[in-house]
């Protein structure tokens, strides 16, 4: 094909993912996007399930582009910014958005990986994905999907991020990240990418694994009931539903997914297991304290009835239970101290 006949594309779909520190970062990002941006911007910020949907209002105060709370089935328009509502995954289809209360990924809904993955599947080379400040490593697997489809990956420079973990994990695990930038340089880079045509290259196909994981986020019943879960069975169980987890080796990244679609990076799974362990230990503390109190009351009743031997045994049980409770509380203090250090 002659040079004059080569096809060009524009990078007109921008997806942005962030977590802790994200409101501040997104406020700065949208503030400096030009009003004539030749692209659509689609944003996921980790939100608690019952959070009020105020992010669009916050961003609209400083944005020169209109910001909307995403709606299911909403058409994607250039020059518009869309933000995910709480407790719904924001997925990208060809030409429109989809909201779905599918299984959580990395403990979050909305999560970043489903947004990045479905956008990569739908738009390939036209996609630019931006990962900003946050804890743990949601977004890393999604950026891998973006690079598999020849999209552009931009990561906030860790020393510039309020929370460096999410950018650092992406840099450590994703090959071929295109830009590692301070937040202040990202808006101009996005504008340049959106307004500079690029020669279209042969499209890399969507893998079966990407299709499967995208449909799991969409809670596709046929996929959930199939035996085609990616990866290999692992000895671990899902902390969200108790089902078996499949282990997925995704380049340098180790991930896990259960049969109904809950997904975890290894770091997130470890954090969730630590949370479950803490819950179990607090349950043990409560049970031991109740046992100590009951045994103490029974010992008192035995003494009132001059049953000294029975009272002595019950008193010893009370003291043993109290001592065991105190030991577990010391373990909890150690666990909480280590958790604070890792944060």
C-alpha atoms as a PDB file:
ATOM      1  CA  UNK A   1       0.000   0.000   0.000  1.00  0.00           C
ATOM      2  CA  UNK A   2       1.347   3.416  -0.925  1.00  0.00           C
ATOM      3  CA  UNK A   3       2.052   5.885   1.855  1.00  0.00           C
ATOM      4  CA  UNK A   4      -0.823   8.087   0.684  1.00  0.00           C
ATOM      5  CA  UNK A   5      -3.206   5.136   1.116  1.00  0.00           C
ATOM      6  CA  UNK A   6      -2.194   4.270   4.671  1.00  0.00           C
ATOM      7  CA  UNK A   7      -4.982   4.637   7.180  1.00  0.00           C
ATOM      8  CA  UNK A   8      -4.628   6.840  10.251  1.00  0.00           C
ATOM      9  CA  UNK A   9      -6.408   6.765  13.576  1.00  0.00           C
ATOM     10  CA  UNK A  10      -6.815   9.190  16.468  1.00  0.00           C
ATOM     11  CA  UNK A  11      -6.504   8.229  20.096  1.00  0.00           C
ATOM     12  CA  UNK A  12      -9.941   9.469  21.060  1.00  0.00           C
ATOM     13  CA  UNK A  13     -10.811   7.228  24.024  1.00  0.00           C
ATOM     14  CA  UNK A  14      -9.096   8.028  27.343  1.00  0.00           C
ATOM     15  CA  UNK A  15      -9.686   5.894  30.444  1.00  0.00           C
ATOM     16  CA  UNK A  16      -8.437   6.959  33.861  1.00  0.00           C
ATOM     17  CA  UNK A  17      -8.143   4.893  37.026  1.00  0.00           C
ATOM     18  CA  UNK A  18      -7.280   6.011  40.539  1.00  0.00           C
ATOM     19  CA  UNK A  19      -7.857   5.183  44.186  1.00  0.00           C
ATOM     20  CA  UNK A  20      -6.528   6.813  47.373  1.00  0.00           C
ATOM     21  CA  UNK A  21      -5.709  10.468  46.708  1.00  0.00           C
ATOM     22  CA  UNK A  22      -7.734  10.302  43.526  1.00  0.00           C
ATOM     23  CA  UNK A  23     -10.137  13.185  44.086  1.00  0.00           C
ATOM     24  CA  UNK A  24      -7.257  15.645  44.326  1.00  0.00           C
ATOM     25  CA  UNK A  25      -5.465  14.107  41.335  1.00  0.00           C
ATOM     26  CA  UNK A  26      -8.570  14.042  39.140  1.00  0.00           C
ATOM     27  CA  UNK A  27      -9.400  17.646  40.046  1.00  0.00           C
ATOM     28  CA  UNK A  28      -5.973  18.716  38.782  1.00  0.00           C
ATOM     29  CA  UNK A  29      -6.155  16.491  35.705  1.00  0.00           C
ATOM     30  CA  UNK A  30      -9.503  17.729  34.385  1.00  0.00           C
ATOM     31  CA  UNK A  31      -8.713  21.348  35.256  1.00  0.00           C
ATOM     32  CA  UNK A  32      -5.990  21.458  32.610  1.00  0.00           C
ATOM     33  CA  UNK A  33      -7.616  19.410  29.848  1.00  0.00           C
ATOM     34  CA  UNK A  34      -8.331  21.742  26.913  1.00  0.00           C
ATOM     35  CA  UNK A  35     -11.962  22.554  26.094  1.00  0.00           C
ATOM     36  CA  UNK A  36     -11.435  21.346  22.509  1.00  0.00           C
ATOM     37  CA  UNK A  37     -10.087  17.922  23.519  1.00  0.00           C
ATOM     38  CA  UNK A  38     -10.646  15.547  20.602  1.00  0.00           C
ATOM     39  CA  UNK A  39     -11.429  12.602  22.877  1.00  0.00           C
ATOM     40  CA  UNK A  40     -13.785  11.192  25.490  1.00  0.00           C
ATOM     41  CA  UNK A  41     -12.564  10.686  29.069  1.00  0.00           C
ATOM     42  CA  UNK A  42     -13.934   7.845  31.199  1.00  0.00           C
ATOM     43  CA  UNK A  43     -12.976   7.708  34.884  1.00  0.00           C
ATOM     44  CA  UNK A  44     -13.079   5.136  37.671  1.00  0.00           C
ATOM     45  CA  UNK A  45     -12.282   6.181  41.229  1.00  0.00           C
ATOM     46  CA  UNK A  46     -12.524   3.517  43.931  1.00  0.00           C
ATOM     47  CA  UNK A  47     -15.598   4.336  46.014  1.00  0.00           C
ATOM     48  CA  UNK A  48     -17.251   2.699  49.033  1.00  0.00           C
ATOM     49  CA  UNK A  49     -20.491   0.953  48.082  1.00  0.00           C
ATOM     50  CA  UNK A  50     -22.820   3.519  49.634  1.00  0.00           C
ATOM     51  CA  UNK A  51     -20.897   6.672  48.764  1.00  0.00           C
ATOM     52  CA  UNK A  52     -22.955   9.596  47.444  1.00  0.00           C
ATOM     53  CA  UNK A  53     -22.311  10.216  43.758  1.00  0.00           C
ATOM     54  CA  UNK A  54     -20.753  13.673  44.035  1.00  0.00           C
ATOM     55  CA  UNK A  55     -17.543  13.211  42.023  1.00  0.00           C
ATOM     56  CA  UNK A  56     -19.009  14.636  38.812  1.00  0.00           C
ATOM     57  CA  UNK A  57     -20.149  17.747  40.703  1.00  0.00           C
ATOM     58  CA  UNK A  58     -16.711  18.174  42.275  1.00  0.00           C
ATOM     59  CA  UNK A  59     -14.896  17.851  38.941  1.00  0.00           C
ATOM     60  CA  UNK A  60     -17.344  20.134  37.133  1.00  0.00           C
ATOM     61  CA  UNK A  61     -16.285  23.031  39.375  1.00  0.00           C
ATOM     62  CA  UNK A  62     -12.875  23.279  37.719  1.00  0.00           C
ATOM     63  CA  UNK A  63     -13.220  21.400  34.423  1.00  0.00           C
ATOM     64  CA  UNK A  64     -13.462  23.135  31.062  1.00  0.00           C
ATOM     65  CA  UNK A  65     -15.134  19.993  29.725  1.00  0.00           C
ATOM     66  CA  UNK A  66     -18.581  18.855  30.916  1.00  0.00           C
ATOM     67  CA  UNK A  67     -18.448  16.042  33.482  1.00  0.00           C
ATOM     68  CA  UNK A  68     -21.288  13.514  33.756  1.00  0.00           C
ATOM     69  CA  UNK A  69     -22.181  10.697  36.100  1.00  0.00           C
ATOM     70  CA  UNK A  70     -22.134   7.724  33.722  1.00  0.00           C
ATOM     71  CA  UNK A  71     -25.479   6.176  32.775  1.00  0.00           C
ATOM     72  CA  UNK A  72     -26.101   2.660  31.536  1.00  0.00           C
ATOM     73  CA  UNK A  73     -26.312   2.644  27.737  1.00  0.00           C
ATOM     74  CA  UNK A  74     -25.034   6.222  27.448  1.00  0.00           C
ATOM     75  CA  UNK A  75     -23.426   7.098  24.106  1.00  0.00           C
ATOM     76  CA  UNK A  76     -19.756   8.083  24.312  1.00  0.00           C
ATOM     77  CA  UNK A  77     -19.209  11.610  22.949  1.00  0.00           C
ATOM     78  CA  UNK A  78     -15.975  13.465  22.325  1.00  0.00           C
ATOM     79  CA  UNK A  79     -15.296  16.391  24.610  1.00  0.00           C
ATOM     80  CA  UNK A  80     -17.216  14.747  27.456  1.00  0.00           C
ATOM     81  CA  UNK A  81     -15.975  13.296  30.751  1.00  0.00           C
ATOM     82  CA  UNK A  82     -17.813  10.367  32.370  1.00  0.00           C
ATOM     83  CA  UNK A  83     -17.308   9.137  35.939  1.00  0.00           C
ATOM     84  CA  UNK A  84     -18.345   5.801  37.430  1.00  0.00           C
ATOM     85  CA  UNK A  85     -21.094   5.771  40.062  1.00  0.00           C
ATOM     86  CA  UNK A  86     -20.612   3.971  43.351  1.00  0.00           C
ATOM     87  CA  UNK A  87     -21.201   0.200  43.514  1.00  0.00           C
ATOM     88  CA  UNK A  88     -21.262  -0.279  39.728  1.00  0.00           C
ATOM     89  CA  UNK A  89     -18.518  -1.362  37.355  1.00  0.00           C
ATOM     90  CA  UNK A  90     -18.136   1.071  34.465  1.00  0.00           C
ATOM     91  CA  UNK A  91     -17.554  -0.939  31.290  1.00  0.00           C
ATOM     92  CA  UNK A  92     -16.867   0.254  27.754  1.00  0.00           C
ATOM     93  CA  UNK A  93     -18.600  -1.107  24.690  1.00  0.00           C
ATOM     94  CA  UNK A  94     -18.119   0.094  21.105  1.00  0.00           C
ATOM     95  CA  UNK A  95     -19.781   3.505  21.185  1.00  0.00           C
ATOM     96  CA  UNK A  96     -21.471   3.386  24.588  1.00  0.00           C
ATOM     97  CA  UNK A  97     -21.036   2.798  28.314  1.00  0.00           C
ATOM     98  CA  UNK A  98     -22.402  -0.011  30.404  1.00  0.00           C
ATOM     99  CA  UNK A  99     -22.943  -0.121  34.170  1.00  0.00           C
ATOM    100  CA  UNK A 100     -23.117  -3.456  35.906  1.00  0.00           C
ATOM    101  CA  UNK A 101     -23.169  -4.709  39.477  1.00  0.00           C
ATOM    102  CA  UNK A 102     -20.884  -7.607  38.645  1.00  0.00           C
ATOM    103  CA  UNK A 103     -18.425  -9.342  40.985  1.00  0.00           C
ATOM    104  CA  UNK A 104     -15.869  -7.117  42.682  1.00  0.00           C
ATOM    105  CA  UNK A 105     -12.320  -7.028  41.382  1.00  0.00           C
ATOM    106  CA  UNK A 106      -9.482  -6.375  43.816  1.00  0.00           C
ATOM    107  CA  UNK A 107     -12.140  -5.796  46.447  1.00  0.00           C
ATOM    108  CA  UNK A 108     -13.646  -2.831  44.582  1.00  0.00           C
ATOM    109  CA  UNK A 109     -16.740  -1.996  42.584  1.00  0.00           C
ATOM    110  CA  UNK A 110     -16.219   0.098  40.530  1.00  0.00           C
ATOM    111  CA  UNK A 111     -12.778  -1.311  39.774  1.00  0.00           C
ATOM    112  CA  UNK A 112     -10.144  -0.065  37.373  1.00  0.00           C
ATOM    113  CA  UNK A 113      -9.210  -3.347  35.674  1.00  0.00           C
ATOM    114  CA  UNK A 114     -12.687  -3.972  34.151  1.00  0.00           C
ATOM    115  CA  UNK A 115     -12.755  -0.427  32.731  1.00  0.00           C
ATOM    116  CA  UNK A 116      -9.298  -0.739  31.177  1.00  0.00           C
ATOM    117  CA  UNK A 117      -9.881  -4.298  29.939  1.00  0.00           C
ATOM    118  CA  UNK A 118     -13.237  -3.649  28.257  1.00  0.00           C
ATOM    119  CA  UNK A 119     -11.977  -0.395  26.726  1.00  0.00           C
ATOM    120  CA  UNK A 120      -8.935  -2.229  25.322  1.00  0.00           C
ATOM    121  CA  UNK A 121     -11.193  -4.887  23.848  1.00  0.00           C
ATOM    122  CA  UNK A 122     -13.483  -2.306  22.225  1.00  0.00           C
ATOM    123  CA  UNK A 123     -10.981   0.313  21.010  1.00  0.00           C
ATOM    124  CA  UNK A 124      -7.493  -1.192  20.735  1.00  0.00           C
ATOM    125  CA  UNK A 125      -5.029   1.348  19.273  1.00  0.00           C
ATOM    126  CA  UNK A 126      -7.445   4.240  19.788  1.00  0.00           C
ATOM    127  CA  UNK A 127      -7.205   3.855  23.571  1.00  0.00           C
ATOM    128  CA  UNK A 128      -5.112   5.807  26.068  1.00  0.00           C
ATOM    129  CA  UNK A 129      -5.135   4.489  29.656  1.00  0.00           C
ATOM    130  CA  UNK A 130      -3.974   6.608  32.602  1.00  0.00           C
ATOM    131  CA  UNK A 131      -3.206   5.196  36.057  1.00  0.00           C
ATOM    132  CA  UNK A 132      -2.904   7.656  38.931  1.00  0.00           C
ATOM    133  CA  UNK A 133      -2.329   7.607  42.688  1.00  0.00           C
ATOM    134  CA  UNK A 134      -3.630   4.701  44.763  1.00  0.00           C
ATOM    135  CA  UNK A 135      -2.994   1.809  47.120  1.00  0.00           C
ATOM    136  CA  UNK A 136      -2.227  -1.811  46.179  1.00  0.00           C
ATOM    137  CA  UNK A 137      -2.317  -2.656  42.462  1.00  0.00           C
ATOM    138  CA  UNK A 138      -5.722  -2.405  40.799  1.00  0.00           C
ATOM    139  CA  UNK A 139      -5.142  -1.207  37.234  1.00  0.00           C
ATOM    140  CA  UNK A 140      -1.993  -3.232  36.593  1.00  0.00           C
ATOM    141  CA  UNK A 141      -3.794  -6.140  34.897  1.00  0.00           C
ATOM    142  CA  UNK A 142      -5.924  -3.635  32.984  1.00  0.00           C
ATOM    143  CA  UNK A 143      -2.836  -1.835  31.676  1.00  0.00           C
ATOM    144  CA  UNK A 144      -1.497  -5.196  30.483  1.00  0.00           C
ATOM    145  CA  UNK A 145      -4.669  -5.625  28.446  1.00  0.00           C
ATOM    146  CA  UNK A 146      -4.234  -2.119  27.024  1.00  0.00           C
ATOM    147  CA  UNK A 147      -0.688  -2.912  25.874  1.00  0.00           C
ATOM    148  CA  UNK A 148      -1.804  -6.270  24.438  1.00  0.00           C
ATOM    149  CA  UNK A 149      -4.109  -4.288  22.144  1.00  0.00           C
ATOM    150  CA  UNK A 150      -1.461  -1.650  21.265  1.00  0.00           C
ATOM    151  CA  UNK A 151      -3.074   1.105  23.310  1.00  0.00           C
ATOM    152  CA  UNK A 152      -1.076   3.820  25.067  1.00  0.00           C
ATOM    153  CA  UNK A 153      -0.286   3.419  28.779  1.00  0.00           C
ATOM    154  CA  UNK A 154       0.441   6.445  30.975  1.00  0.00           C
ATOM    155  CA  UNK A 155       1.367   6.098  34.653  1.00  0.00           C
ATOM    156  CA  UNK A 156       1.775   8.883  37.186  1.00  0.00           C
ATOM    157  CA  UNK A 157       5.351   9.091  38.441  1.00  0.00           C
ATOM    158  CA  UNK A 158       5.364   7.364  41.852  1.00  0.00           C
ATOM    159  CA  UNK A 159       7.306  10.124  43.622  1.00  0.00           C
ATOM    160  CA  UNK A 160       4.688  12.596  42.362  1.00  0.00           C
ATOM    161  CA  UNK A 161       1.693  10.525  43.557  1.00  0.00           C
ATOM    162  CA  UNK A 162       0.057  11.013  46.933  1.00  0.00           C
ATOM    163  CA  UNK A 163       0.004   7.207  47.219  1.00  0.00           C
ATOM    164  CA  UNK A 164       2.699   5.538  45.142  1.00  0.00           C
ATOM    165  CA  UNK A 165       1.723   1.860  45.370  1.00  0.00           C
ATOM    166  CA  UNK A 166      -0.598   1.652  42.364  1.00  0.00           C
ATOM    167  CA  UNK A 167       1.749   3.448  39.950  1.00  0.00           C
ATOM    168  CA  UNK A 168       4.781   1.555  41.313  1.00  0.00           C
ATOM    169  CA  UNK A 169       3.134  -1.845  40.847  1.00  0.00           C
ATOM    170  CA  UNK A 170       2.162  -0.999  37.279  1.00  0.00           C
ATOM    171  CA  UNK A 171       5.698   0.115  36.431  1.00  0.00           C
ATOM    172  CA  UNK A 172       7.148  -3.060  37.979  1.00  0.00           C
ATOM    173  CA  UNK A 173       4.803  -5.457  36.165  1.00  0.00           C
ATOM    174  CA  UNK A 174       3.720  -3.941  32.833  1.00  0.00           C
ATOM    175  CA  UNK A 175       6.168  -4.012  29.938  1.00  0.00           C
ATOM    176  CA  UNK A 176       6.117  -1.153  27.460  1.00  0.00           C
ATOM    177  CA  UNK A 177       4.544   1.648  29.505  1.00  0.00           C
ATOM    178  CA  UNK A 178       4.678   4.620  27.155  1.00  0.00           C
ATOM    179  CA  UNK A 179       4.852   7.525  29.613  1.00  0.00           C
ATOM    180  CA  UNK A 180       5.746   7.869  33.297  1.00  0.00           C
ATOM    181  CA  UNK A 181       4.903  11.469  34.099  1.00  0.00           C
ATOM    182  CA  UNK A 182       4.178  13.871  36.928  1.00  0.00           C
ATOM    183  CA  UNK A 183       0.512  14.738  37.114  1.00  0.00           C
ATOM    184  CA  UNK A 184       1.188  18.255  35.833  1.00  0.00           C
ATOM    185  CA  UNK A 185       2.382  16.897  32.458  1.00  0.00           C
ATOM    186  CA  UNK A 186      -0.399  14.396  31.846  1.00  0.00           C
ATOM    187  CA  UNK A 187      -3.131  16.769  30.541  1.00  0.00           C
ATOM    188  CA  UNK A 188      -0.915  18.228  27.795  1.00  0.00           C
ATOM    189  CA  UNK A 189       0.258  14.743  26.830  1.00  0.00           C
ATOM    190  CA  UNK A 190      -3.351  13.565  26.524  1.00  0.00           C
ATOM    191  CA  UNK A 191      -4.237  16.569  24.381  1.00  0.00           C
ATOM    192  CA  UNK A 192      -1.279  15.915  22.091  1.00  0.00           C
ATOM    193  CA  UNK A 193      -2.130  12.225  21.722  1.00  0.00           C
ATOM    194  CA  UNK A 194      -5.790  12.990  21.033  1.00  0.00           C
ATOM    195  CA  UNK A 195      -5.032  15.637  18.432  1.00  0.00           C
ATOM    196  CA  UNK A 196      -2.200  13.875  16.591  1.00  0.00           C
ATOM    197  CA  UNK A 197      -3.293  11.263  14.008  1.00  0.00           C
ATOM    198  CA  UNK A 198      -1.354   8.001  14.115  1.00  0.00           C
ATOM    199  CA  UNK A 199      -0.728   5.534  11.343  1.00  0.00           C
ATOM    200  CA  UNK A 200      -2.926   2.510  11.949  1.00  0.00           C
ATOM    201  CA  UNK A 201      -1.087  -0.771  12.429  1.00  0.00           C
ATOM    202  CA  UNK A 202      -2.390  -4.325  12.021  1.00  0.00           C
ATOM    203  CA  UNK A 203      -4.713  -4.921  14.934  1.00  0.00           C
ATOM    204  CA  UNK A 204      -3.735  -7.446  17.575  1.00  0.00           C
ATOM    205  CA  UNK A 205      -6.599  -9.863  18.198  1.00  0.00           C
ATOM    206  CA  UNK A 206      -8.581  -9.944  21.423  1.00  0.00           C
ATOM    207  CA  UNK A 207      -7.494 -13.061  23.286  1.00  0.00           C
ATOM    208  CA  UNK A 208      -9.959 -15.622  24.578  1.00  0.00           C
ATOM    209  CA  UNK A 209      -8.802 -14.783  28.125  1.00  0.00           C
ATOM    210  CA  UNK A 210      -9.563 -11.071  27.631  1.00  0.00           C
ATOM    211  CA  UNK A 211     -12.997 -11.879  26.240  1.00  0.00           C
ATOM    212  CA  UNK A 212     -13.725 -14.216  29.138  1.00  0.00           C
ATOM    213  CA  UNK A 213     -12.640 -11.791  31.844  1.00  0.00           C
ATOM    214  CA  UNK A 214     -14.505  -8.918  30.209  1.00  0.00           C
ATOM    215  CA  UNK A 215     -17.714 -10.933  30.149  1.00  0.00           C
ATOM    216  CA  UNK A 216     -17.222 -12.028  33.770  1.00  0.00           C
ATOM    217  CA  UNK A 217     -17.204  -8.348  34.802  1.00  0.00           C
ATOM    218  CA  UNK A 218     -20.456  -8.109  32.844  1.00  0.00           C
ATOM    219  CA  UNK A 219     -21.791 -11.071  34.845  1.00  0.00           C
ATOM    220  CA  UNK A 220     -22.357 -13.086  31.691  1.00  0.00           C
ATOM    221  CA  UNK A 221     -24.217 -16.211  32.882  1.00  0.00           C
ATOM    222  CA  UNK A 222     -22.958 -18.454  30.072  1.00  0.00           C
ATOM    223  CA  UNK A 223     -19.348 -17.559  30.824  1.00  0.00           C
ATOM    224  CA  UNK A 224     -19.832 -17.938  34.575  1.00  0.00           C
ATOM    225  CA  UNK A 225     -21.362 -21.379  34.128  1.00  0.00           C
ATOM    226  CA  UNK A 226     -18.702 -22.551  31.682  1.00  0.00           C
ATOM    227  CA  UNK A 227     -15.564 -24.448  32.663  1.00  0.00           C
ATOM    228  CA  UNK A 228     -13.363 -21.994  30.773  1.00  0.00           C
ATOM    229  CA  UNK A 229     -12.045 -20.029  33.756  1.00  0.00           C
ATOM    230  CA  UNK A 230      -8.576 -18.776  32.814  1.00  0.00           C
ATOM    231  CA  UNK A 231      -5.599 -20.162  34.710  1.00  0.00           C
ATOM    232  CA  UNK A 232      -5.133 -23.247  36.857  1.00  0.00           C
ATOM    233  CA  UNK A 233      -6.842 -24.361  40.079  1.00  0.00           C
ATOM    234  CA  UNK A 234      -5.109 -23.081  43.216  1.00  0.00           C
ATOM    235  CA  UNK A 235      -5.296 -24.240  46.854  1.00  0.00           C
ATOM    236  CA  UNK A 236      -6.811 -20.903  47.883  1.00  0.00           C
ATOM    237  CA  UNK A 237     -10.420 -19.880  48.413  1.00  0.00           C
ATOM    238  CA  UNK A 238     -12.142 -16.648  47.464  1.00  0.00           C
ATOM    239  CA  UNK A 239     -12.378 -14.316  50.482  1.00  0.00           C
ATOM    240  CA  UNK A 240     -15.577 -12.806  49.049  1.00  0.00           C
ATOM    241  CA  UNK A 241     -17.643 -15.942  48.367  1.00  0.00           C
ATOM    242  CA  UNK A 242     -15.622 -18.924  49.636  1.00  0.00           C
ATOM    243  CA  UNK A 243     -15.321 -20.545  46.196  1.00  0.00           C
ATOM    244  CA  UNK A 244     -12.165 -22.014  44.710  1.00  0.00           C
ATOM    245  CA  UNK A 245      -9.680 -19.624  43.141  1.00  0.00           C
ATOM    246  CA  UNK A 246      -7.937 -20.135  39.812  1.00  0.00           C
ATOM    247  CA  UNK A 247      -4.350 -18.894  39.542  1.00  0.00           C
ATOM    248  CA  UNK A 248      -3.482 -16.746  36.527  1.00  0.00           C
ATOM    249  CA  UNK A 249       0.116 -15.961  35.601  1.00  0.00           C
ATOM    250  CA  UNK A 250      -0.192 -12.748  33.619  1.00  0.00           C
ATOM    251  CA  UNK A 251       3.374 -11.894  32.601  1.00  0.00           C
ATOM    252  CA  UNK A 252       5.076 -10.744  35.808  1.00  0.00           C
ATOM    253  CA  UNK A 253       1.753 -10.409  37.622  1.00  0.00           C
ATOM    254  CA  UNK A 254       0.173 -13.213  39.649  1.00  0.00           C
ATOM    255  CA  UNK A 255      -3.619 -12.971  39.793  1.00  0.00           C
ATOM    256  CA  UNK A 256      -6.552 -15.051  41.033  1.00  0.00           C
ATOM    257  CA  UNK A 257     -10.186 -15.363  39.956  1.00  0.00           C
ATOM    258  CA  UNK A 258     -13.047 -17.469  41.268  1.00  0.00           C
ATOM    259  CA  UNK A 259     -15.833 -19.191  39.350  1.00  0.00           C
ATOM    260  CA  UNK A 260     -18.343 -16.364  39.847  1.00  0.00           C
ATOM    261  CA  UNK A 261     -15.857 -13.703  38.771  1.00  0.00           C
ATOM    262  CA  UNK A 262     -14.311 -12.157  41.897  1.00  0.00           C
ATOM    263  CA  UNK A 263     -10.741 -11.249  40.969  1.00  0.00           C
ATOM    264  CA  UNK A 264      -7.639 -10.409  42.998  1.00  0.00           C
ATOM    265  CA  UNK A 265      -4.020  -9.618  42.457  1.00  0.00           C
ATOM    266  CA  UNK A 266      -1.704 -11.566  44.769  1.00  0.00           C
ATOM    267  CA  UNK A 267      -1.170  -8.439  46.903  1.00  0.00           C
ATOM    268  CA  UNK A 268      -4.868  -7.729  47.186  1.00  0.00           C
ATOM    269  CA  UNK A 269      -5.599 -11.371  48.038  1.00  0.00           C
ATOM    270  CA  UNK A 270      -2.972 -11.254  50.780  1.00  0.00           C
ATOM    271  CA  UNK A 271      -4.566  -8.087  52.174  1.00  0.00           C
ATOM    272  CA  UNK A 272      -8.039  -9.657  52.067  1.00  0.00           C
ATOM    273  CA  UNK A 273      -6.750 -12.771  53.832  1.00  0.00           C
ATOM    274  CA  UNK A 274      -5.194 -10.572  56.517  1.00  0.00           C
ATOM    275  CA  UNK A 275      -8.560  -8.875  56.989  1.00  0.00           C
ATOM    276  CA  UNK A 276     -10.269 -12.262  57.317  1.00  0.00           C
ATOM    277  CA  UNK A 277      -7.643 -13.372  59.831  1.00  0.00           C
ATOM    278  CA  UNK A 278      -8.217 -10.229  61.900  1.00  0.00           C
ATOM    279  CA  UNK A 279     -11.977 -10.817  61.839  1.00  0.00           C
ATOM    280  CA  UNK A 280     -11.473 -14.408  63.002  1.00  0.00           C
ATOM    281  CA  UNK A 281      -9.158 -13.312  65.801  1.00  0.00           C
ATOM    282  CA  UNK A 282     -11.656 -10.711  67.056  1.00  0.00           C
ATOM    283  CA  UNK A 283     -14.364 -13.389  67.044  1.00  0.00           C
ATOM    284  CA  UNK A 284     -12.038 -15.582  69.123  1.00  0.00           C
ATOM    285  CA  UNK A 285     -11.410 -12.704  71.565  1.00  0.00           C
ATOM    286  CA  UNK A 286     -15.141 -12.179  71.997  1.00  0.00           C
ATOM    287  CA  UNK A 287     -15.795 -15.897  72.554  1.00  0.00           C
ATOM    288  CA  UNK A 288     -12.978 -16.198  75.090  1.00  0.00           C
ATOM    289  CA  UNK A 289     -14.131 -13.121  77.007  1.00  0.00           C
ATOM    290  CA  UNK A 290     -17.678 -14.464  77.118  1.00  0.00           C
ATOM    291  CA  UNK A 291     -16.339 -17.818  78.307  1.00  0.00           C
ATOM    292  CA  UNK A 292     -14.266 -16.126  81.022  1.00  0.00           C
ATOM    293  CA  UNK A 293     -17.258 -14.102  82.244  1.00  0.00           C
ATOM    294  CA  UNK A 294     -19.607 -17.097  82.282  1.00  0.00           C
ATOM    295  CA  UNK A 295     -17.098 -19.357  84.033  1.00  0.00           C
ATOM    296  CA  UNK A 296     -16.466 -16.645  86.642  1.00  0.00           C
ATOM    297  CA  UNK A 297     -20.195 -16.325  87.359  1.00  0.00           C
ATOM    298  CA  UNK A 298     -20.594 -20.076  87.617  1.00  0.00           C
ATOM    299  CA  UNK A 299     -17.607 -20.252  89.996  1.00  0.00           C
ATOM    300  CA  UNK A 300     -19.251 -17.636  92.200  1.00  0.00           C
ATOM    301  CA  UNK A 301     -22.457 -19.678  92.325  1.00  0.00           C
ATOM    302  CA  UNK A 302     -20.497 -22.807  93.213  1.00  0.00           C
ATOM    303  CA  UNK A 303     -18.813 -20.975  96.100  1.00  0.00           C
ATOM    304  CA  UNK A 304     -22.212 -19.807  97.369  1.00  0.00           C
ATOM    305  CA  UNK A 305     -23.225 -23.484  97.483  1.00  0.00           C
ATOM    306  CA  UNK A 306     -19.963 -24.482  99.229  1.00  0.00           C
ATOM    307  CA  UNK A 307     -18.857 -26.523  96.203  1.00  0.00           C
ATOM    308  CA  UNK A 308     -15.269 -25.344  96.447  1.00  0.00           C
ATOM    309  CA  UNK A 309     -13.711 -27.925  94.110  1.00  0.00           C
ATOM    310  CA  UNK A 310     -16.151 -27.134  91.290  1.00  0.00           C
ATOM    311  CA  UNK A 311     -15.681 -23.414  91.955  1.00  0.00           C
ATOM    312  CA  UNK A 312     -11.895 -23.792  91.726  1.00  0.00           C
ATOM    313  CA  UNK A 313     -12.130 -25.603  88.368  1.00  0.00           C
ATOM    314  CA  UNK A 314     -14.475 -22.971  86.939  1.00  0.00           C
ATOM    315  CA  UNK A 315     -12.306 -20.156  88.241  1.00  0.00           C
ATOM    316  CA  UNK A 316      -9.290 -21.710  86.532  1.00  0.00           C
ATOM    317  CA  UNK A 317     -11.258 -21.952  83.261  1.00  0.00           C
ATOM    318  CA  UNK A 318     -12.156 -18.264  83.591  1.00  0.00           C
ATOM    319  CA  UNK A 319      -8.528 -17.262  84.153  1.00  0.00           C
ATOM    320  CA  UNK A 320      -7.301 -19.461  81.266  1.00  0.00           C
ATOM    321  CA  UNK A 321      -9.856 -17.962  78.870  1.00  0.00           C
ATOM    322  CA  UNK A 322      -8.925 -14.430  79.946  1.00  0.00           C
ATOM    323  CA  UNK A 323      -5.229 -15.178  79.452  1.00  0.00           C
ATOM    324  CA  UNK A 324      -5.854 -16.639  75.980  1.00  0.00           C
ATOM    325  CA  UNK A 325      -7.909 -13.562  75.083  1.00  0.00           C
ATOM    326  CA  UNK A 326      -5.058 -11.281  76.129  1.00  0.00           C
ATOM    327  CA  UNK A 327      -2.559 -13.272  74.038  1.00  0.00           C
ATOM    328  CA  UNK A 328      -4.753 -12.920  70.936  1.00  0.00           C
ATOM    329  CA  UNK A 329      -5.179  -9.194  71.592  1.00  0.00           C
ATOM    330  CA  UNK A 330      -1.392  -8.847  71.643  1.00  0.00           C
ATOM    331  CA  UNK A 331      -1.256 -10.643  68.263  1.00  0.00           C
ATOM    332  CA  UNK A 332      -3.877  -8.217  66.920  1.00  0.00           C
ATOM    333  CA  UNK A 333      -1.784  -5.263  68.082  1.00  0.00           C
ATOM    334  CA  UNK A 334       1.209  -6.696  66.221  1.00  0.00           C
ATOM    335  CA  UNK A 335      -0.843  -7.278  63.061  1.00  0.00           C
ATOM    336  CA  UNK A 336      -2.259  -3.765  63.134  1.00  0.00           C
ATOM    337  CA  UNK A 337       1.215  -2.321  63.660  1.00  0.00           C
ATOM    338  CA  UNK A 338       2.605  -4.171  60.653  1.00  0.00           C
ATOM    339  CA  UNK A 339      -0.416  -3.137  58.558  1.00  0.00           C
ATOM    340  CA  UNK A 340       0.187   0.503  59.423  1.00  0.00           C
ATOM    341  CA  UNK A 341       3.861   0.178  58.476  1.00  0.00           C
ATOM    342  CA  UNK A 342       3.042  -1.381  55.084  1.00  0.00           C
ATOM    343  CA  UNK A 343       0.533   1.383  54.332  1.00  0.00           C
END
